[in-house]
mmCIF file of all heavy atoms, coordinates in Angstrom:
data_MODEL
# 
_entry.id   MODEL 
# 
loop_
_atom_site.group_PDB 
_atom_site.id 
_atom_site.type_symbol 
_atom_site.label_atom_id 
_atom_site.label_alt_id 
_atom_site.label_comp_id 
_atom_site.label_asym_id 
_atom_site.label_entity_id 
_atom_site.label_seq_id 
_atom_site.pdbx_PDB_ins_code 
_atom_site.Cartn_x 
_atom_site.Cartn_y 
_atom_site.Cartn_z 
_atom_site.occupancy 
_atom_site.B_iso_or_equiv 
_atom_site.pdbx_formal_charge 
_atom_site.auth_seq_id 
_atom_site.auth_comp_id 
_atom_site.auth_asym_id 
_atom_site.auth_atom_id 
_atom_site.pdbx_PDB_model_num 
ATOM 1   N N   . GLY A 1 1  ? -6.866  -10.332 -7.625  1.00 0.00 ? 1  GLY A N   1 
ATOM 2   C CA  . GLY A 1 1  ? -8.258  -10.040 -7.320  1.00 0.00 ? 1  GLY A CA  1 
ATOM 3   C C   . GLY A 1 1  ? -8.418  -9.168  -6.088  1.00 0.00 ? 1  GLY A C   1 
ATOM 4   O O   . GLY A 1 1  ? -9.199  -8.192  -6.103  1.00 0.00 ? 1  GLY A O   1 
ATOM 5   N N   . PHE A 1 2  ? -7.675  -9.467  -5.027  1.00 0.00 ? 2  PHE A N   1 
ATOM 6   C CA  . PHE A 1 2  ? -7.702  -8.619  -3.826  1.00 0.00 ? 2  PHE A CA  1 
ATOM 7   C C   . PHE A 1 2  ? -7.281  -7.188  -4.189  1.00 0.00 ? 2  PHE A C   1 
ATOM 8   O O   . PHE A 1 2  ? -7.882  -6.220  -3.721  1.00 0.00 ? 2  PHE A O   1 
ATOM 9   C CB  . PHE A 1 2  ? -6.772  -9.175  -2.761  1.00 0.00 ? 2  PHE A CB  1 
ATOM 10  C CG  . PHE A 1 2  ? -7.302  -10.394 -2.074  1.00 0.00 ? 2  PHE A CG  1 
ATOM 11  C CD1 . PHE A 1 2  ? -6.608  -11.612 -2.098  1.00 0.00 ? 2  PHE A CD1 1 
ATOM 12  C CD2 . PHE A 1 2  ? -8.486  -10.339 -1.345  1.00 0.00 ? 2  PHE A CD2 1 
ATOM 13  C CE1 . PHE A 1 2  ? -7.096  -12.729 -1.458  1.00 0.00 ? 2  PHE A CE1 1 
ATOM 14  C CE2 . PHE A 1 2  ? -8.968  -11.469 -0.685  1.00 0.00 ? 2  PHE A CE2 1 
ATOM 15  C CZ  . PHE A 1 2  ? -8.287  -12.672 -0.737  1.00 0.00 ? 2  PHE A CZ  1 
ATOM 16  N N   . ALA A 1 3  ? -6.226  -7.068  -4.992  1.00 0.00 ? 3  ALA A N   1 
ATOM 17  C CA  . ALA A 1 3  ? -5.717  -5.748  -5.339  1.00 0.00 ? 3  ALA A CA  1 
ATOM 18  C C   . ALA A 1 3  ? -6.719  -4.981  -6.184  1.00 0.00 ? 3  ALA A C   1 
ATOM 19  O O   . ALA A 1 3  ? -6.878  -3.753  -5.996  1.00 0.00 ? 3  ALA A O   1 
ATOM 20  C CB  . ALA A 1 3  ? -4.404  -5.883  -6.091  1.00 0.00 ? 3  ALA A CB  1 
ATOM 21  N N   . GLU A 1 4  ? -7.374  -5.629  -7.120  1.00 0.00 ? 4  GLU A N   1 
ATOM 22  C CA  . GLU A 1 4  ? -8.343  -4.939  -7.994  1.00 0.00 ? 4  GLU A CA  1 
ATOM 23  C C   . GLU A 1 4  ? -9.517  -4.403  -7.178  1.00 0.00 ? 4  GLU A C   1 
ATOM 24  O O   . GLU A 1 4  ? -9.991  -3.268  -7.413  1.00 0.00 ? 4  GLU A O   1 
ATOM 25  C CB  . GLU A 1 4  ? -8.827  -5.863  -9.091  1.00 0.00 ? 4  GLU A CB  1 
ATOM 26  C CG  . GLU A 1 4  ? -7.793  -6.085  -10.186 1.00 0.00 ? 4  GLU A CG  1 
ATOM 27  C CD  . GLU A 1 4  ? -8.275  -7.017  -11.253 1.00 0.00 ? 4  GLU A CD  1 
ATOM 28  O OE1 . GLU A 1 4  ? -8.985  -8.019  -10.921 1.00 0.00 ? 4  GLU A OE1 1 
ATOM 29  O OE2 . GLU A 1 4  ? -7.918  -6.815  -12.417 1.00 0.00 ? 4  GLU A OE2 1 
ATOM 30  N N   . VAL A 1 5  ? -10.007 -5.215  -6.242  1.00 0.00 ? 5  VAL A N   1 
ATOM 31  C CA  . VAL A 1 5  ? -11.111 -4.719  -5.417  1.00 0.00 ? 5  VAL A CA  1 
ATOM 32  C C   . VAL A 1 5  ? -10.659 -3.539  -4.559  1.00 0.00 ? 5  VAL A C   1 
ATOM 33  O O   . VAL A 1 5  ? -11.388 -2.547  -4.399  1.00 0.00 ? 5  VAL A O   1 
ATOM 34  C CB  . VAL A 1 5  ? -11.657 -5.861  -4.513  1.00 0.00 ? 5  VAL A CB  1 
ATOM 35  C CG1 . VAL A 1 5  ? -12.675 -5.323  -3.515  1.00 0.00 ? 5  VAL A CG1 1 
ATOM 36  C CG2 . VAL A 1 5  ? -12.286 -6.961  -5.383  1.00 0.00 ? 5  VAL A CG2 1 
ATOM 37  N N   . ALA A 1 6  ? -9.430  -3.630  -4.011  1.00 0.00 ? 6  ALA A N   1 
ATOM 38  C CA  . ALA A 1 6  ? -8.922  -2.522  -3.191  1.00 0.00 ? 6  ALA A CA  1 
ATOM 39  C C   . ALA A 1 6  ? -8.778  -1.243  -4.007  1.00 0.00 ? 6  ALA A C   1 
ATOM 40  O O   . ALA A 1 6  ? -9.047  -0.147  -3.509  1.00 0.00 ? 6  ALA A O   1 
ATOM 41  C CB  . ALA A 1 6  ? -7.563  -2.920  -2.587  1.00 0.00 ? 6  ALA A CB  1 
ATOM 42  N N   . GLU A 1 7  ? -8.397  -1.365  -5.296  1.00 0.00 ? 7  GLU A N   1 
ATOM 43  C CA  . GLU A 1 7  ? -8.268  -0.183  -6.146  1.00 0.00 ? 7  GLU A CA  1 
ATOM 44  C C   . GLU A 1 7  ? -9.604  0.506   -6.338  1.00 0.00 ? 7  GLU A C   1 
ATOM 45  O O   . GLU A 1 7  ? -9.675  1.750   -6.378  1.00 0.00 ? 7  GLU A O   1 
ATOM 46  C CB  . GLU A 1 7  ? -7.697  -0.591  -7.528  1.00 0.00 ? 7  GLU A CB  1 
ATOM 47  C CG  . GLU A 1 7  ? -6.206  -0.890  -7.512  1.00 0.00 ? 7  GLU A CG  1 
ATOM 48  C CD  . GLU A 1 7  ? -5.683  -1.208  -8.891  1.00 0.00 ? 7  GLU A CD  1 
ATOM 49  O OE1 . GLU A 1 7  ? -6.086  -0.491  -9.845  1.00 0.00 ? 7  GLU A OE1 1 
ATOM 50  O OE2 . GLU A 1 7  ? -4.865  -2.121  -9.037  1.00 0.00 ? 7  GLU A OE2 1 
ATOM 51  N N   . THR A 1 8  ? -10.679 -0.252  -6.393  1.00 0.00 ? 8  THR A N   1 
ATOM 52  C CA  . THR A 1 8  ? -12.001 0.388   -6.564  1.00 0.00 ? 8  THR A CA  1 
ATOM 53  C C   . THR A 1 8  ? -12.414 1.147   -5.310  1.00 0.00 ? 8  THR A C   1 
ATOM 54  O O   . THR A 1 8  ? -13.262 2.018   -5.367  1.00 0.00 ? 8  THR A O   1 
ATOM 55  C CB  . THR A 1 8  ? -13.086 -0.670  -6.864  1.00 0.00 ? 8  THR A CB  1 
ATOM 56  O OG1 . THR A 1 8  ? -13.252 -1.537  -5.738  1.00 0.00 ? 8  THR A OG1 1 
ATOM 57  C CG2 . THR A 1 8  ? -12.683 -1.499  -8.078  1.00 0.00 ? 8  THR A CG2 1 
ATOM 58  N N   . ARG A 1 9  ? -11.772 0.845   -4.202  1.00 0.00 ? 9  ARG A N   1 
ATOM 59  C CA  . ARG A 1 9  ? -12.091 1.510   -2.923  1.00 0.00 ? 9  ARG A CA  1 
ATOM 60  C C   . ARG A 1 9  ? -11.055 2.584   -2.582  1.00 0.00 ? 9  ARG A C   1 
ATOM 61  O O   . ARG A 1 9  ? -10.989 3.061   -1.452  1.00 0.00 ? 9  ARG A O   1 
ATOM 62  C CB  . ARG A 1 9  ? -12.176 0.467   -1.797  1.00 0.00 ? 9  ARG A CB  1 
ATOM 63  C CG  . ARG A 1 9  ? -13.269 -0.547  -2.032  1.00 0.00 ? 9  ARG A CG  1 
ATOM 64  C CD  . ARG A 1 9  ? -13.147 -1.725  -1.068  1.00 0.00 ? 9  ARG A CD  1 
ATOM 65  N NE  . ARG A 1 9  ? -13.239 -1.328  0.331   1.00 0.00 ? 9  ARG A NE  1 
ATOM 66  C CZ  . ARG A 1 9  ? -14.363 -1.179  0.989   1.00 0.00 ? 9  ARG A CZ  1 
ATOM 67  N NH1 . ARG A 1 9  ? -15.515 -1.421  0.361   1.00 0.00 ? 9  ARG A NH1 1 
ATOM 68  N NH2 . ARG A 1 9  ? -14.367 -0.820  2.268   1.00 0.00 ? 9  ARG A NH2 1 
ATOM 69  N N   . GLY A 1 10 ? -10.222 2.915   -3.571  1.00 0.00 ? 10 GLY A N   1 
ATOM 70  C CA  . GLY A 1 10 ? -9.235  3.963   -3.390  1.00 0.00 ? 10 GLY A CA  1 
ATOM 71  C C   . GLY A 1 10 ? -7.914  3.525   -2.769  1.00 0.00 ? 10 GLY A C   1 
ATOM 72  O O   . GLY A 1 10 ? -7.081  4.344   -2.407  1.00 0.00 ? 10 GLY A O   1 
ATOM 73  N N   . GLY A 1 11 ? -7.727  2.217   -2.669  1.00 0.00 ? 11 GLY A N   1 
ATOM 74  C CA  . GLY A 1 11 ? -6.480  1.736   -2.078  1.00 0.00 ? 11 GLY A CA  1 
ATOM 75  C C   . GLY A 1 11 ? -5.473  1.340   -3.143  1.00 0.00 ? 11 GLY A C   1 
ATOM 76  O O   . GLY A 1 11 ? -5.824  1.006   -4.285  1.00 0.00 ? 11 GLY A O   1 
ATOM 77  N N   . ASP A 1 12 ? -4.191  1.425   -2.803  1.00 0.00 ? 12 ASP A N   1 
ATOM 78  C CA  . ASP A 1 12 ? -3.126  1.020   -3.705  1.00 0.00 ? 12 ASP A CA  1 
ATOM 79  C C   . ASP A 1 12 ? -2.403  -0.188  -3.094  1.00 0.00 ? 12 ASP A C   1 
ATOM 80  O O   . ASP A 1 12 ? -1.302  -0.057  -2.541  1.00 0.00 ? 12 ASP A O   1 
ATOM 81  C CB  . ASP A 1 12 ? -2.129  2.178   -3.914  1.00 0.00 ? 12 ASP A CB  1 
ATOM 82  C CG  . ASP A 1 12 ? -2.657  3.242   -4.855  1.00 0.00 ? 12 ASP A CG  1 
ATOM 83  O OD1 . ASP A 1 12 ? -3.556  2.919   -5.642  1.00 0.00 ? 12 ASP A OD1 1 
ATOM 84  O OD2 . ASP A 1 12 ? -2.199  4.375   -4.751  1.00 0.00 ? 12 ASP A OD2 1 
ATOM 85  N N   . THR A 1 13 ? -3.035  -1.334  -3.148  1.00 0.00 ? 13 THR A N   1 
ATOM 86  C CA  . THR A 1 13 ? -2.422  -2.521  -2.561  1.00 0.00 ? 13 THR A CA  1 
ATOM 87  C C   . THR A 1 13 ? -1.718  -3.377  -3.602  1.00 0.00 ? 13 THR A C   1 
ATOM 88  O O   . THR A 1 13 ? -1.182  -4.428  -3.262  1.00 0.00 ? 13 THR A O   1 
ATOM 89  C CB  . THR A 1 13 ? -3.511  -3.389  -1.874  1.00 0.00 ? 13 THR A CB  1 
ATOM 90  O OG1 . THR A 1 13 ? -4.419  -3.877  -2.836  1.00 0.00 ? 13 THR A OG1 1 
ATOM 91  C CG2 . THR A 1 13 ? -4.225  -2.582  -0.812  1.00 0.00 ? 13 THR A CG2 1 
ATOM 92  N N   . THR A 1 14 ? -1.710  -2.924  -4.845  1.00 0.00 ? 14 THR A N   1 
ATOM 93  C CA  . THR A 1 14 ? -1.068  -3.719  -5.893  1.00 0.00 ? 14 THR A CA  1 
ATOM 94  C C   . THR A 1 14 ? 0.412   -3.820  -5.633  1.00 0.00 ? 14 THR A C   1 
ATOM 95  O O   . THR A 1 14 ? 1.106   -2.840  -5.325  1.00 0.00 ? 14 THR A O   1 
ATOM 96  C CB  . THR A 1 14 ? -1.304  -3.077  -7.284  1.00 0.00 ? 14 THR A CB  1 
ATOM 97  O OG1 . THR A 1 14 ? -2.694  -3.089  -7.570  1.00 0.00 ? 14 THR A OG1 1 
ATOM 98  C CG2 . THR A 1 14 ? -0.533  -3.852  -8.357  1.00 0.00 ? 14 THR A CG2 1 
ATOM 99  N N   . ARG A 1 15 ? 0.931   -5.031  -5.770  1.00 0.00 ? 15 ARG A N   1 
ATOM 100 C CA  . ARG A 1 15 ? 2.360   -5.294  -5.686  1.00 0.00 ? 15 ARG A CA  1 
ATOM 101 C C   . ARG A 1 15 ? 2.824   -5.743  -7.062  1.00 0.00 ? 15 ARG A C   1 
ATOM 102 O O   . ARG A 1 15 ? 2.338   -6.739  -7.594  1.00 0.00 ? 15 ARG A O   1 
ATOM 103 C CB  . ARG A 1 15 ? 2.658   -6.368  -4.643  1.00 0.00 ? 15 ARG A CB  1 
ATOM 104 C CG  . ARG A 1 15 ? 4.121   -6.755  -4.535  1.00 0.00 ? 15 ARG A CG  1 
ATOM 105 C CD  . ARG A 1 15 ? 4.358   -7.660  -3.342  1.00 0.00 ? 15 ARG A CD  1 
ATOM 106 N NE  . ARG A 1 15 ? 5.691   -8.153  -3.250  1.00 0.00 ? 15 ARG A NE  1 
ATOM 107 C CZ  . ARG A 1 15 ? 6.094   -9.355  -3.668  1.00 0.00 ? 15 ARG A CZ  1 
ATOM 108 N NH1 . ARG A 1 15 ? 5.220   -10.194 -4.188  1.00 0.00 ? 15 ARG A NH1 1 
ATOM 109 N NH2 . ARG A 1 15 ? 7.349   -9.744  -3.570  1.00 0.00 ? 15 ARG A NH2 1 
ATOM 110 N N   . ILE A 1 16 ? 3.744   -4.993  -7.641  1.00 0.00 ? 16 ILE A N   1 
ATOM 111 C CA  . ILE A 1 16 ? 4.234   -5.327  -8.996  1.00 0.00 ? 16 ILE A CA  1 
ATOM 112 C C   . ILE A 1 16 ? 5.639   -5.883  -8.831  1.00 0.00 ? 16 ILE A C   1 
ATOM 113 O O   . ILE A 1 16 ? 6.525   -5.238  -8.235  1.00 0.00 ? 16 ILE A O   1 
ATOM 114 C CB  . ILE A 1 16 ? 4.236   -4.066  -9.878  1.00 0.00 ? 16 ILE A CB  1 
ATOM 115 C CG1 . ILE A 1 16 ? 2.847   -3.478  -9.961  1.00 0.00 ? 16 ILE A CG1 1 
ATOM 116 C CG2 . ILE A 1 16 ? 4.788   -4.404  -11.262 1.00 0.00 ? 16 ILE A CG2 1 
ATOM 117 C CD1 . ILE A 1 16 ? 2.804   -2.136  -10.694 1.00 0.00 ? 16 ILE A CD1 1 
ATOM 118 N N   . VAL A 1 17 ? 5.839   -7.082  -9.360  1.00 0.00 ? 17 VAL A N   1 
ATOM 119 C CA  . VAL A 1 17 ? 7.155   -7.726  -9.268  1.00 0.00 ? 17 VAL A CA  1 
ATOM 120 C C   . VAL A 1 17 ? 7.767   -7.792  -10.671 1.00 0.00 ? 17 VAL A C   1 
ATOM 121 O O   . VAL A 1 17 ? 7.170   -8.349  -11.590 1.00 0.00 ? 17 VAL A O   1 
ATOM 122 C CB  . VAL A 1 17 ? 7.024   -9.137  -8.692  1.00 0.00 ? 17 VAL A CB  1 
ATOM 123 C CG1 . VAL A 1 17 ? 8.410   -9.735  -8.479  1.00 0.00 ? 17 VAL A CG1 1 
ATOM 124 C CG2 . VAL A 1 17 ? 6.275   -9.108  -7.364  1.00 0.00 ? 17 VAL A CG2 1 
ATOM 125 N N   . VAL A 1 18 ? 8.929   -7.174  -10.826 1.00 0.00 ? 18 VAL A N   1 
ATOM 126 C CA  . VAL A 1 18 ? 9.587   -7.059  -12.117 1.00 0.00 ? 18 VAL A CA  1 
ATOM 127 C C   . VAL A 1 18 ? 10.871  -7.871  -12.102 1.00 0.00 ? 18 VAL A C   1 
ATOM 128 O O   . VAL A 1 18 ? 11.705  -7.729  -11.184 1.00 0.00 ? 18 VAL A O   1 
ATOM 129 C CB  . VAL A 1 18 ? 9.923   -5.590  -12.427 1.00 0.00 ? 18 VAL A CB  1 
ATOM 130 C CG1 . VAL A 1 18 ? 10.469  -5.468  -13.842 1.00 0.00 ? 18 VAL A CG1 1 
ATOM 131 C CG2 . VAL A 1 18 ? 8.693   -4.720  -12.235 1.00 0.00 ? 18 VAL A CG2 1 
ATOM 132 N N   . GLY A 1 19 ? 11.035  -8.704  -13.112 1.00 0.00 ? 19 GLY A N   1 
ATOM 133 C CA  . GLY A 1 19 ? 12.305  -9.396  -13.322 1.00 0.00 ? 19 GLY A CA  1 
ATOM 134 C C   . GLY A 1 19 ? 13.196  -8.534  -14.209 1.00 0.00 ? 19 GLY A C   1 
ATOM 135 O O   . GLY A 1 19 ? 12.854  -8.255  -15.341 1.00 0.00 ? 19 GLY A O   1 
ATOM 136 N N   . SER A 1 20 ? 14.328  -8.102  -13.658 1.00 0.00 ? 20 SER A N   1 
ATOM 137 C CA  . SER A 1 20 ? 15.157  -7.099  -14.321 1.00 0.00 ? 20 SER A CA  1 
ATOM 138 C C   . SER A 1 20 ? 16.442  -7.717  -14.865 1.00 0.00 ? 20 SER A C   1 
ATOM 139 O O   . SER A 1 20 ? 17.217  -8.280  -14.129 1.00 0.00 ? 20 SER A O   1 
ATOM 140 C CB  . SER A 1 20 ? 15.488  -6.002  -13.318 1.00 0.00 ? 20 SER A CB  1 
ATOM 141 O OG  . SER A 1 20 ? 16.556  -5.191  -13.781 1.00 0.00 ? 20 SER A OG  1 
ATOM 142 N N   . MET A 1 21 ? 16.620  -7.589  -16.181 1.00 0.00 ? 21 MET A N   1 
ATOM 143 C CA  . MET A 1 21 ? 17.883  -7.955  -16.807 1.00 0.00 ? 21 MET A CA  1 
ATOM 144 C C   . MET A 1 21 ? 18.735  -6.702  -16.981 1.00 0.00 ? 21 MET A C   1 
ATOM 145 O O   . MET A 1 21 ? 18.188  -5.586  -16.916 1.00 0.00 ? 21 MET A O   1 
ATOM 146 C CB  . MET A 1 21 ? 17.595  -8.662  -18.125 1.00 0.00 ? 21 MET A CB  1 
ATOM 147 C CG  . MET A 1 21 ? 17.046  -10.094 -17.926 1.00 0.00 ? 21 MET A CG  1 
ATOM 148 S SD  . MET A 1 21 ? 16.531  -10.902 -19.443 1.00 0.00 ? 21 MET A SD  1 
ATOM 149 C CE  . MET A 1 21 ? 14.844  -10.370 -19.543 1.00 0.00 ? 21 MET A CE  1 
ATOM 150 N N   . PRO A 1 22 ? 20.029  -6.860  -17.156 1.00 0.00 ? 22 PRO A N   1 
ATOM 151 C CA  . PRO A 1 22 ? 20.957  -5.706  -16.985 1.00 0.00 ? 22 PRO A CA  1 
ATOM 152 C C   . PRO A 1 22 ? 20.596  -4.465  -17.792 1.00 0.00 ? 22 PRO A C   1 
ATOM 153 O O   . PRO A 1 22 ? 20.682  -3.347  -17.278 1.00 0.00 ? 22 PRO A O   1 
ATOM 154 C CB  . PRO A 1 22 ? 22.304  -6.280  -17.431 1.00 0.00 ? 22 PRO A CB  1 
ATOM 155 C CG  . PRO A 1 22 ? 22.217  -7.734  -17.097 1.00 0.00 ? 22 PRO A CG  1 
ATOM 156 C CD  . PRO A 1 22 ? 20.784  -8.101  -17.383 1.00 0.00 ? 22 PRO A CD  1 
ATOM 157 N N   . LEU A 1 23 ? 20.142  -4.611  -19.026 1.00 0.00 ? 23 LEU A N   1 
ATOM 158 C CA  . LEU A 1 23 ? 19.959  -3.440  -19.857 1.00 0.00 ? 23 LEU A CA  1 
ATOM 159 C C   . LEU A 1 23 ? 18.884  -2.498  -19.323 1.00 0.00 ? 23 LEU A C   1 
ATOM 160 O O   . LEU A 1 23 ? 18.943  -1.290  -19.534 1.00 0.00 ? 23 LEU A O   1 
ATOM 161 C CB  . LEU A 1 23 ? 19.621  -3.860  -21.293 1.00 0.00 ? 23 LEU A CB  1 
ATOM 162 C CG  . LEU A 1 23 ? 19.440  -2.707  -22.269 1.00 0.00 ? 23 LEU A CG  1 
ATOM 163 C CD1 . LEU A 1 23 ? 20.123  -3.026  -23.600 1.00 0.00 ? 23 LEU A CD1 1 
ATOM 164 C CD2 . LEU A 1 23 ? 17.975  -2.404  -22.515 1.00 0.00 ? 23 LEU A CD2 1 
ATOM 165 N N   . SER A 1 24 ? 17.902  -3.053  -18.607 1.00 0.00 ? 24 SER A N   1 
ATOM 166 C CA  . SER A 1 24 ? 16.762  -2.226  -18.183 1.00 0.00 ? 24 SER A CA  1 
ATOM 167 C C   . SER A 1 24 ? 17.105  -1.336  -16.976 1.00 0.00 ? 24 SER A C   1 
ATOM 168 O O   . SER A 1 24 ? 16.340  -0.402  -16.696 1.00 0.00 ? 24 SER A O   1 
ATOM 169 C CB  . SER A 1 24 ? 15.585  -3.145  -17.818 1.00 0.00 ? 24 SER A CB  1 
ATOM 170 O OG  . SER A 1 24 ? 15.898  -3.920  -16.670 1.00 0.00 ? 24 SER A OG  1 
ATOM 171 N N   . ARG A 1 25 ? 18.176  -1.608  -16.275 1.00 0.00 ? 25 ARG A N   1 
ATOM 172 C CA  . ARG A 1 25 ? 18.406  -0.970  -14.966 1.00 0.00 ? 25 ARG A CA  1 
ATOM 173 C C   . ARG A 1 25 ? 18.863  0.475   -15.053 1.00 0.00 ? 25 ARG A C   1 
ATOM 174 O O   . ARG A 1 25 ? 18.465  1.282   -14.185 1.00 0.00 ? 25 ARG A O   1 
ATOM 175 C CB  . ARG A 1 25 ? 19.402  -1.795  -14.154 1.00 0.00 ? 25 ARG A CB  1 
ATOM 176 C CG  . ARG A 1 25 ? 18.887  -3.198  -13.858 1.00 0.00 ? 25 ARG A CG  1 
ATOM 177 C CD  . ARG A 1 25 ? 19.969  -4.129  -13.319 1.00 0.00 ? 25 ARG A CD  1 
ATOM 178 N NE  . ARG A 1 25 ? 19.529  -5.525  -13.434 1.00 0.00 ? 25 ARG A NE  1 
ATOM 179 C CZ  . ARG A 1 25 ? 20.359  -6.538  -13.405 1.00 0.00 ? 25 ARG A CZ  1 
ATOM 180 N NH1 . ARG A 1 25 ? 21.662  -6.350  -13.304 1.00 0.00 ? 25 ARG A NH1 1 
ATOM 181 N NH2 . ARG A 1 25 ? 19.882  -7.771  -13.519 1.00 0.00 ? 25 ARG A NH2 1 
ATOM 182 N N   . PRO A 1 26 ? 19.681  0.887   -15.983 1.00 0.00 ? 26 PRO A N   1 
ATOM 183 C CA  . PRO A 1 26 ? 20.155  2.287   -15.962 1.00 0.00 ? 26 PRO A CA  1 
ATOM 184 C C   . PRO A 1 26 ? 19.067  3.314   -16.317 1.00 0.00 ? 26 PRO A C   1 
ATOM 185 O O   . PRO A 1 26 ? 19.093  4.421   -15.775 1.00 0.00 ? 26 PRO A O   1 
ATOM 186 C CB  . PRO A 1 26 ? 21.283  2.325   -17.010 1.00 0.00 ? 26 PRO A CB  1 
ATOM 187 C CG  . PRO A 1 26 ? 21.700  0.912   -17.174 1.00 0.00 ? 26 PRO A CG  1 
ATOM 188 C CD  . PRO A 1 26 ? 20.434  0.113   -17.007 1.00 0.00 ? 26 PRO A CD  1 
ATOM 189 N N   . PHE A 1 27 ? 18.119  2.977   -17.225 1.00 0.00 ? 27 PHE A N   1 
ATOM 190 C CA  . PHE A 1 27 ? 17.184  3.995   -17.719 1.00 0.00 ? 27 PHE A CA  1 
ATOM 191 C C   . PHE A 1 27 ? 15.733  3.558   -17.705 1.00 0.00 ? 27 PHE A C   1 
ATOM 192 O O   . PHE A 1 27 ? 14.893  4.224   -17.131 1.00 0.00 ? 27 PHE A O   1 
ATOM 193 C CB  . PHE A 1 27 ? 17.598  4.430   -19.122 1.00 0.00 ? 27 PHE A CB  1 
ATOM 194 C CG  . PHE A 1 27 ? 16.654  5.428   -19.723 1.00 0.00 ? 27 PHE A CG  1 
ATOM 195 C CD1 . PHE A 1 27 ? 16.664  6.761   -19.346 1.00 0.00 ? 27 PHE A CD1 1 
ATOM 196 C CD2 . PHE A 1 27 ? 15.713  5.037   -20.691 1.00 0.00 ? 27 PHE A CD2 1 
ATOM 197 C CE1 . PHE A 1 27 ? 15.775  7.682   -19.865 1.00 0.00 ? 27 PHE A CE1 1 
ATOM 198 C CE2 . PHE A 1 27 ? 14.811  5.936   -21.236 1.00 0.00 ? 27 PHE A CE2 1 
ATOM 199 C CZ  . PHE A 1 27 ? 14.865  7.283   -20.826 1.00 0.00 ? 27 PHE A CZ  1 
ATOM 200 N N   . ILE A 1 28 ? 15.402  2.429   -18.361 1.00 0.00 ? 28 ILE A N   1 
ATOM 201 C CA  . ILE A 1 28 ? 14.002  2.072   -18.605 1.00 0.00 ? 28 ILE A CA  1 
ATOM 202 C C   . ILE A 1 28 ? 13.262  1.852   -17.295 1.00 0.00 ? 28 ILE A C   1 
ATOM 203 O O   . ILE A 1 28 ? 12.227  2.464   -17.051 1.00 0.00 ? 28 ILE A O   1 
ATOM 204 C CB  . ILE A 1 28 ? 13.910  0.816   -19.505 1.00 0.00 ? 28 ILE A CB  1 
ATOM 205 C CG1 . ILE A 1 28 ? 14.565  1.088   -20.842 1.00 0.00 ? 28 ILE A CG1 1 
ATOM 206 C CG2 . ILE A 1 28 ? 12.460  0.423   -19.668 1.00 0.00 ? 28 ILE A CG2 1 
ATOM 207 C CD1 . ILE A 1 28 ? 14.623  -0.132  -21.747 1.00 0.00 ? 28 ILE A CD1 1 
ATOM 208 N N   . LEU A 1 29 ? 13.804  1.009   -16.418 1.00 0.00 ? 29 LEU A N   1 
ATOM 209 C CA  . LEU A 1 29 ? 13.103  0.715   -15.172 1.00 0.00 ? 29 LEU A CA  1 
ATOM 210 C C   . LEU A 1 29 ? 13.017  1.934   -14.265 1.00 0.00 ? 29 LEU A C   1 
ATOM 211 O O   . LEU A 1 29 ? 11.940  2.249   -13.751 1.00 0.00 ? 29 LEU A O   1 
ATOM 212 C CB  . LEU A 1 29 ? 13.780  -0.433  -14.438 1.00 0.00 ? 29 LEU A CB  1 
ATOM 213 C CG  . LEU A 1 29 ? 13.110  -1.814  -14.543 1.00 0.00 ? 29 LEU A CG  1 
ATOM 214 C CD1 . LEU A 1 29 ? 13.863  -2.839  -13.698 1.00 0.00 ? 29 LEU A CD1 1 
ATOM 215 C CD2 . LEU A 1 29 ? 11.658  -1.768  -14.148 1.00 0.00 ? 29 LEU A CD2 1 
ATOM 216 N N   . PRO A 1 30 ? 14.131  2.659   -14.013 1.00 0.00 ? 30 PRO A N   1 
ATOM 217 C CA  . PRO A 1 30 ? 13.995  3.867   -13.173 1.00 0.00 ? 30 PRO A CA  1 
ATOM 218 C C   . PRO A 1 30 ? 13.011  4.879   -13.714 1.00 0.00 ? 30 PRO A C   1 
ATOM 219 O O   . PRO A 1 30 ? 12.263  5.486   -12.944 1.00 0.00 ? 30 PRO A O   1 
ATOM 220 C CB  . PRO A 1 30 ? 15.431  4.447   -13.146 1.00 0.00 ? 30 PRO A CB  1 
ATOM 221 C CG  . PRO A 1 30 ? 16.294  3.282   -13.457 1.00 0.00 ? 30 PRO A CG  1 
ATOM 222 C CD  . PRO A 1 30 ? 15.542  2.420   -14.394 1.00 0.00 ? 30 PRO A CD  1 
ATOM 223 N N   . THR A 1 31 ? 12.986  5.061   -15.030 1.00 0.00 ? 31 THR A N   1 
ATOM 224 C CA  . THR A 1 31 ? 12.079  6.024   -15.633 1.00 0.00 ? 31 THR A CA  1 
ATOM 225 C C   . THR A 1 31 ? 10.611  5.608   -15.375 1.00 0.00 ? 31 THR A C   1 
ATOM 226 O O   . THR A 1 31 ? 9.777   6.425   -14.996 1.00 0.00 ? 31 THR A O   1 
ATOM 227 C CB  . THR A 1 31 ? 12.351  6.155   -17.117 1.00 0.00 ? 31 THR A CB  1 
ATOM 228 O OG1 . THR A 1 31 ? 13.700  6.592   -17.323 1.00 0.00 ? 31 THR A OG1 1 
ATOM 229 C CG2 . THR A 1 31 ? 11.397  7.161   -17.774 1.00 0.00 ? 31 THR A CG2 1 
# 
């Protein structure tokens, strides 16, 4: 909720947390 309100005011406060399993690391996640 804090992040969404900040986005409407032009801020990028969103923190995205990704759980990474091995296959995603060489290509999908970096891309």
